[in-house]
Amino acid sequence: VQLQASGGGLVQAGGSLRLSCAASGSFFSIRDMGWYRQAPGKQRELVAAITSGGSTNYADSAKGRFTISRDNAKNTVYLQMNSLKPEDTDVYYCNADIGFPGSYYYDYWGQGTLVTVSS
């Protein structure tokens, strides 16, 4: 199983980016999916998460600016990032709780995609 993230890049403050993360491989289902961010020397922290039913949860810094969504048919989670600020600069990681026959679920991480917001 792999999570492939894409969509990071360099954008000016006030701009937008859309991150995508697709799960591939052989598995039974996906429960929660989410996006995290991590700066060098700091702990990884939640940006936004979404359940298989579509319920969402956001970090305070993301509320009102970011929108998480998912396409269950494509096993893909998205993060639409609007009104970006320099302090949003970080490496963003996608995460998925992936299930296998026998109701075993494991946590998987994507490779990280760098978001840089210039002032």
N, C-alpha and C. Protein backbone atom coordinates (compact mmCIF):
# COMPACT_ATOMS: atom_id res chain seq x y z
N VAL A 1 0.85 -1.19 0.00
CA VAL A 1 0.00 0.00 0.00
C VAL A 1 0.88 1.24 0.00
N GLN A 2 0.52 2.19 -0.82
CA GLN A 2 1.27 3.45 -0.90
C GLN A 2 0.31 4.62 -0.89
N LEU A 3 0.76 5.72 -0.29
CA LEU A 3 0.06 6.99 -0.38
C LEU A 3 0.95 7.93 -1.17
N GLN A 4 0.44 8.44 -2.26
CA GLN A 4 1.21 9.33 -3.13
C GLN A 4 0.62 10.72 -3.06
N ALA A 5 1.39 11.64 -2.46
CA ALA A 5 0.93 13.01 -2.32
C ALA A 5 1.50 13.89 -3.44
N SER A 6 0.73 14.89 -3.81
CA SER A 6 1.18 15.83 -4.83
C SER A 6 0.48 17.16 -4.62
N GLY A 7 0.96 18.18 -5.32
CA GLY A 7 0.30 19.47 -5.32
C GLY A 7 0.99 20.57 -4.57
N GLY A 8 2.06 20.26 -3.86
CA GLY A 8 2.78 21.32 -3.17
C GLY A 8 3.51 22.22 -4.15
N GLY A 9 4.06 23.30 -3.62
CA GLY A 9 4.81 24.20 -4.47
C GLY A 9 5.00 25.54 -3.81
N LEU A 10 5.41 26.49 -4.62
CA LEU A 10 5.67 27.87 -4.17
C LEU A 10 4.52 28.75 -4.61
N VAL A 11 3.98 29.50 -3.67
CA VAL A 11 2.87 30.40 -3.98
C VAL A 11 3.04 31.67 -3.16
N GLN A 12 2.52 32.76 -3.69
CA GLN A 12 2.57 34.02 -2.96
C GLN A 12 1.48 34.06 -1.89
N ALA A 13 1.72 34.85 -0.87
CA ALA A 13 0.72 35.02 0.17
C ALA A 13 -0.60 35.46 -0.44
N GLY A 14 -1.69 34.86 0.05
CA GLY A 14 -3.00 35.13 -0.50
C GLY A 14 -3.43 34.17 -1.60
N GLY A 15 -2.49 33.39 -2.07
CA GLY A 15 -2.77 32.46 -3.15
C GLY A 15 -3.35 31.15 -2.65
N SER A 16 -3.50 30.21 -3.57
CA SER A 16 -4.14 28.93 -3.26
C SER A 16 -3.31 27.78 -3.81
N LEU A 17 -3.45 26.64 -3.14
CA LEU A 17 -2.88 25.38 -3.61
C LEU A 17 -3.87 24.28 -3.30
N ARG A 18 -3.82 23.23 -4.09
CA ARG A 18 -4.65 22.06 -3.82
C ARG A 18 -3.75 20.83 -3.72
N LEU A 19 -3.72 20.23 -2.57
CA LEU A 19 -2.95 19.01 -2.36
C LEU A 19 -3.84 17.80 -2.62
N SER A 20 -3.23 16.77 -3.19
CA SER A 20 -3.93 15.51 -3.43
C SER A 20 -3.12 14.37 -2.86
N CYS A 21 -3.80 13.32 -2.47
CA CYS A 21 -3.10 12.14 -1.96
C CYS A 21 -3.94 10.91 -2.30
N ALA A 22 -3.35 10.04 -3.09
CA ALA A 22 -4.06 8.84 -3.54
C ALA A 22 -3.46 7.59 -2.91
N ALA A 23 -4.33 6.74 -2.43
CA ALA A 23 -3.90 5.45 -1.88
C ALA A 23 -3.98 4.40 -2.97
N SER A 24 -2.93 3.59 -3.07
CA SER A 24 -2.91 2.53 -4.06
C SER A 24 -2.41 1.24 -3.42
N GLY A 25 -2.73 0.13 -4.08
CA GLY A 25 -2.32 -1.16 -3.55
C GLY A 25 -3.53 -2.02 -3.25
N SER A 26 -3.32 -3.06 -2.52
CA SER A 26 -4.39 -4.01 -2.21
C SER A 26 -4.83 -3.84 -0.76
N PHE A 27 -6.06 -3.38 -0.57
CA PHE A 27 -6.61 -3.20 0.76
C PHE A 27 -8.13 -3.29 0.69
N PHE A 28 -8.75 -3.35 1.87
CA PHE A 28 -10.19 -3.56 1.93
C PHE A 28 -10.97 -2.26 2.01
N SER A 29 -10.49 -1.33 2.83
CA SER A 29 -11.23 -0.08 3.02
C SER A 29 -10.31 0.98 3.61
N ILE A 30 -10.81 2.21 3.64
CA ILE A 30 -10.09 3.32 4.26
C ILE A 30 -11.03 4.01 5.23
N ARG A 31 -10.61 4.16 6.43
CA ARG A 31 -11.41 4.92 7.41
C ARG A 31 -11.02 6.39 7.34
N ASP A 32 -10.44 6.93 8.39
CA ASP A 32 -10.08 8.35 8.39
C ASP A 32 -8.92 8.62 7.44
N MET A 33 -8.97 9.81 6.83
CA MET A 33 -7.85 10.32 6.04
C MET A 33 -7.57 11.73 6.54
N GLY A 34 -6.34 12.16 6.39
CA GLY A 34 -6.04 13.49 6.90
C GLY A 34 -4.76 14.06 6.33
N TRP A 35 -4.55 15.32 6.66
CA TRP A 35 -3.34 16.04 6.30
C TRP A 35 -2.69 16.57 7.57
N TYR A 36 -1.38 16.43 7.63
CA TYR A 36 -0.58 16.93 8.74
C TYR A 36 0.53 17.80 8.19
N ARG A 37 1.11 18.60 9.06
CA ARG A 37 2.24 19.42 8.66
C ARG A 37 3.36 19.25 9.68
N GLN A 38 4.56 19.47 9.19
CA GLN A 38 5.71 19.32 10.08
C GLN A 38 6.82 20.24 9.65
N ALA A 39 7.30 21.02 10.60
CA ALA A 39 8.46 21.87 10.39
C ALA A 39 9.69 21.16 10.95
N PRO A 40 10.87 21.50 10.45
CA PRO A 40 12.11 20.87 10.96
C PRO A 40 12.23 21.01 12.47
N GLY A 41 12.46 19.90 13.15
CA GLY A 41 12.65 19.93 14.59
C GLY A 41 11.38 20.01 15.40
N LYS A 42 10.24 19.99 14.72
CA LYS A 42 8.97 20.08 15.43
C LYS A 42 8.16 18.80 15.22
N GLN A 43 7.17 18.64 16.09
CA GLN A 43 6.28 17.48 15.95
C GLN A 43 5.31 17.67 14.79
N ARG A 44 4.92 16.55 14.20
CA ARG A 44 3.92 16.60 13.16
C ARG A 44 2.58 16.95 13.80
N GLU A 45 1.85 17.85 13.16
CA GLU A 45 0.57 18.28 13.75
C GLU A 45 -0.55 18.21 12.71
N LEU A 46 -1.74 17.96 13.21
CA LEU A 46 -2.90 17.81 12.36
C LEU A 46 -3.28 19.14 11.71
N VAL A 47 -3.59 19.09 10.43
CA VAL A 47 -4.15 20.24 9.73
C VAL A 47 -5.65 20.03 9.55
N ALA A 48 -6.01 18.87 9.00
CA ALA A 48 -7.42 18.56 8.77
C ALA A 48 -7.57 17.07 8.61
N ALA A 49 -8.75 16.58 8.98
CA ALA A 49 -9.04 15.15 8.85
C ALA A 49 -10.47 14.97 8.40
N ILE A 50 -10.74 13.82 7.77
CA ILE A 50 -12.07 13.53 7.27
C ILE A 50 -12.34 12.04 7.44
N THR A 51 -13.54 11.73 7.93
CA THR A 51 -13.92 10.33 8.10
C THR A 51 -14.45 9.76 6.78
N SER A 52 -14.66 8.46 6.77
CA SER A 52 -15.20 7.84 5.57
C SER A 52 -16.60 8.35 5.25
N GLY A 53 -17.29 8.83 6.27
CA GLY A 53 -18.63 9.38 6.07
C GLY A 53 -18.66 10.85 5.73
N GLY A 54 -17.50 11.48 5.75
CA GLY A 54 -17.42 12.88 5.35
C GLY A 54 -17.37 13.89 6.49
N SER A 55 -17.35 13.44 7.71
CA SER A 55 -17.20 14.39 8.83
C SER A 55 -15.78 14.92 8.86
N THR A 56 -15.66 16.21 9.13
CA THR A 56 -14.34 16.85 9.07
C THR A 56 -13.93 17.47 10.39
N ASN A 57 -12.63 17.66 10.52
CA ASN A 57 -12.05 18.27 11.70
C ASN A 57 -10.86 19.09 11.24
N TYR A 58 -10.75 20.33 11.74
CA TYR A 58 -9.69 21.23 11.30
C TYR A 58 -8.91 21.79 12.48
N ALA A 59 -7.64 22.02 12.27
CA ALA A 59 -6.86 22.81 13.21
C ALA A 59 -7.39 24.25 13.17
N ASP A 60 -7.25 24.95 14.28
CA ASP A 60 -7.75 26.33 14.33
C ASP A 60 -7.14 27.18 13.22
N SER A 61 -5.88 26.94 12.91
CA SER A 61 -5.18 27.74 11.90
C SER A 61 -5.72 27.49 10.49
N ALA A 62 -6.41 26.37 10.31
CA ALA A 62 -6.91 26.01 8.98
C ALA A 62 -8.39 26.37 8.78
N LYS A 63 -9.09 26.58 9.86
CA LYS A 63 -10.53 26.84 9.77
C LYS A 63 -10.81 28.09 8.97
N GLY A 64 -11.74 27.97 8.03
CA GLY A 64 -12.14 29.10 7.22
C GLY A 64 -11.28 29.33 5.99
N ARG A 65 -10.11 28.68 5.93
CA ARG A 65 -9.21 28.86 4.78
C ARG A 65 -8.97 27.57 4.02
N PHE A 66 -8.93 26.45 4.73
CA PHE A 66 -8.64 25.17 4.10
C PHE A 66 -9.91 24.31 4.09
N THR A 67 -10.02 23.47 3.07
CA THR A 67 -11.13 22.54 2.98
C THR A 67 -10.60 21.15 2.62
N ILE A 68 -10.92 20.19 3.45
CA ILE A 68 -10.54 18.81 3.17
C ILE A 68 -11.72 18.09 2.56
N SER A 69 -11.44 17.25 1.58
CA SER A 69 -12.48 16.45 0.94
C SER A 69 -11.87 15.13 0.51
N ARG A 70 -12.72 14.20 0.12
CA ARG A 70 -12.21 12.90 -0.34
C ARG A 70 -13.13 12.34 -1.40
N ASP A 71 -12.52 11.53 -2.25
CA ASP A 71 -13.26 10.80 -3.28
C ASP A 71 -13.04 9.32 -2.95
N ASN A 72 -14.04 8.71 -2.35
CA ASN A 72 -13.87 7.33 -1.91
C ASN A 72 -13.69 6.37 -3.09
N ALA A 73 -14.28 6.69 -4.21
CA ALA A 73 -14.13 5.83 -5.39
C ALA A 73 -12.70 5.83 -5.91
N LYS A 74 -12.00 6.95 -5.67
CA LYS A 74 -10.62 7.07 -6.14
C LYS A 74 -9.61 6.89 -5.02
N ASN A 75 -10.11 6.62 -3.81
CA ASN A 75 -9.22 6.46 -2.65
C ASN A 75 -8.28 7.65 -2.50
N THR A 76 -8.83 8.83 -2.68
CA THR A 76 -8.03 10.05 -2.71
C THR A 76 -8.59 11.08 -1.74
N VAL A 77 -7.68 11.77 -1.07
CA VAL A 77 -8.04 12.87 -0.19
C VAL A 77 -7.40 14.15 -0.73
N TYR A 78 -8.12 15.24 -0.59
CA TYR A 78 -7.67 16.53 -1.10
C TYR A 78 -7.62 17.55 0.04
N LEU A 79 -6.77 18.55 -0.12
CA LEU A 79 -6.75 19.69 0.77
C LEU A 79 -6.68 20.95 -0.07
N GLN A 80 -7.78 21.66 -0.13
CA GLN A 80 -7.82 22.95 -0.82
C GLN A 80 -7.38 24.02 0.17
N MET A 81 -6.31 24.69 -0.17
CA MET A 81 -5.71 25.69 0.71
C MET A 81 -5.85 27.04 0.07
N ASN A 82 -6.66 27.91 0.66
CA ASN A 82 -6.89 29.26 0.17
C ASN A 82 -6.33 30.29 1.15
N SER A 83 -6.17 31.51 0.67
CA SER A 83 -5.69 32.61 1.50
C SER A 83 -4.43 32.21 2.27
N LEU A 84 -3.50 31.64 1.55
CA LEU A 84 -2.29 31.12 2.19
C LEU A 84 -1.45 32.23 2.80
N LYS A 85 -0.81 31.90 3.90
CA LYS A 85 0.03 32.83 4.64
C LYS A 85 1.45 32.26 4.72
N PRO A 86 2.45 33.11 4.88
CA PRO A 86 3.82 32.61 5.02
C PRO A 86 3.95 31.57 6.13
N GLU A 87 3.18 31.72 7.19
CA GLU A 87 3.27 30.77 8.30
C GLU A 87 2.67 29.40 7.97
N ASP A 88 2.05 29.28 6.80
CA ASP A 88 1.58 27.96 6.34
C ASP A 88 2.71 27.14 5.72
N THR A 89 3.84 27.75 5.53
CA THR A 89 4.99 27.07 4.93
C THR A 89 5.42 25.89 5.79
N ASP A 90 5.47 24.72 5.18
CA ASP A 90 5.83 23.49 5.88
C ASP A 90 5.83 22.34 4.88
N VAL A 91 6.26 21.18 5.35
CA VAL A 91 6.05 19.95 4.61
C VAL A 91 4.71 19.36 5.07
N TYR A 92 3.87 19.03 4.12
CA TYR A 92 2.55 18.50 4.42
C TYR A 92 2.53 17.00 4.09
N TYR A 93 2.00 16.23 5.02
CA TYR A 93 1.93 14.78 4.88
C TYR A 93 0.49 14.32 4.91
N CYS A 94 0.15 13.40 4.01
CA CYS A 94 -1.17 12.80 4.09
C CYS A 94 -1.09 11.51 4.91
N ASN A 95 -2.23 11.17 5.45
CA ASN A 95 -2.33 10.02 6.35
C ASN A 95 -3.63 9.30 6.07
N ALA A 96 -3.60 7.98 6.17
CA ALA A 96 -4.83 7.21 5.97
C ALA A 96 -4.82 5.99 6.88
N ASP A 97 -5.98 5.69 7.39
CA ASP A 97 -6.19 4.52 8.25
C ASP A 97 -6.79 3.43 7.35
N ILE A 98 -5.95 2.48 6.96
CA ILE A 98 -6.32 1.54 5.90
C ILE A 98 -6.61 0.17 6.46
N GLY A 99 -7.71 -0.40 6.00
CA GLY A 99 -8.18 -1.67 6.52
C GLY A 99 -7.95 -2.84 5.58
N PHE A 100 -7.76 -4.01 6.22
CA PHE A 100 -7.51 -5.25 5.49
C PHE A 100 -8.49 -6.31 5.97
N PRO A 101 -8.65 -7.37 5.25
CA PRO A 101 -9.56 -8.44 5.68
C PRO A 101 -9.24 -8.89 7.10
N GLY A 102 -10.31 -9.12 7.86
CA GLY A 102 -10.15 -9.46 9.26
C GLY A 102 -10.24 -8.25 10.16
N SER A 103 -10.60 -7.10 9.56
CA SER A 103 -10.77 -5.84 10.30
C SER A 103 -9.48 -5.34 10.94
N TYR A 104 -8.38 -5.58 10.29
CA TYR A 104 -7.12 -5.03 10.76
C TYR A 104 -6.89 -3.69 10.05
N TYR A 105 -6.63 -2.65 10.84
CA TYR A 105 -6.39 -1.33 10.28
C TYR A 105 -4.98 -0.87 10.65
N TYR A 106 -4.33 -0.25 9.68
CA TYR A 106 -2.99 0.25 9.90
C TYR A 106 -2.90 1.67 9.38
N ASP A 107 -2.00 2.42 10.01
CA ASP A 107 -1.77 3.83 9.69
C ASP A 107 -0.70 3.94 8.60
N TYR A 108 -1.00 4.66 7.53
CA TYR A 108 -0.03 4.88 6.46
C TYR A 108 0.19 6.37 6.25
N TRP A 109 1.40 6.69 5.83
CA TRP A 109 1.78 8.08 5.57
C TRP A 109 2.28 8.24 4.15
N GLY A 110 1.95 9.37 3.56
CA GLY A 110 2.53 9.73 2.28
C GLY A 110 3.93 10.27 2.46
N GLN A 111 4.57 10.60 1.35
CA GLN A 111 5.98 10.99 1.37
C GLN A 111 6.21 12.44 1.73
N GLY A 112 5.17 13.24 1.83
CA GLY A 112 5.36 14.65 2.17
C GLY A 112 5.48 15.50 0.93
N THR A 113 4.84 16.63 0.96
CA THR A 113 4.94 17.59 -0.14
C THR A 113 5.16 18.98 0.45
N LEU A 114 6.13 19.70 -0.10
CA LEU A 114 6.52 20.98 0.46
C LEU A 114 5.63 22.10 -0.04
N VAL A 115 5.11 22.85 0.89
CA VAL A 115 4.33 24.05 0.59
C VAL A 115 5.14 25.26 1.08
N THR A 116 5.42 26.17 0.16
CA THR A 116 6.17 27.37 0.50
C THR A 116 5.35 28.58 0.11
N VAL A 117 5.09 29.44 1.08
CA VAL A 117 4.30 30.64 0.84
C VAL A 117 5.20 31.85 1.04
N SER A 118 5.38 32.61 -0.01
CA SER A 118 6.25 33.79 0.06
C SER A 118 5.43 35.03 0.41
N SER A 119 6.09 35.94 1.10
CA SER A 119 5.39 37.17 1.52
C SER A 119 5.50 38.26 0.47
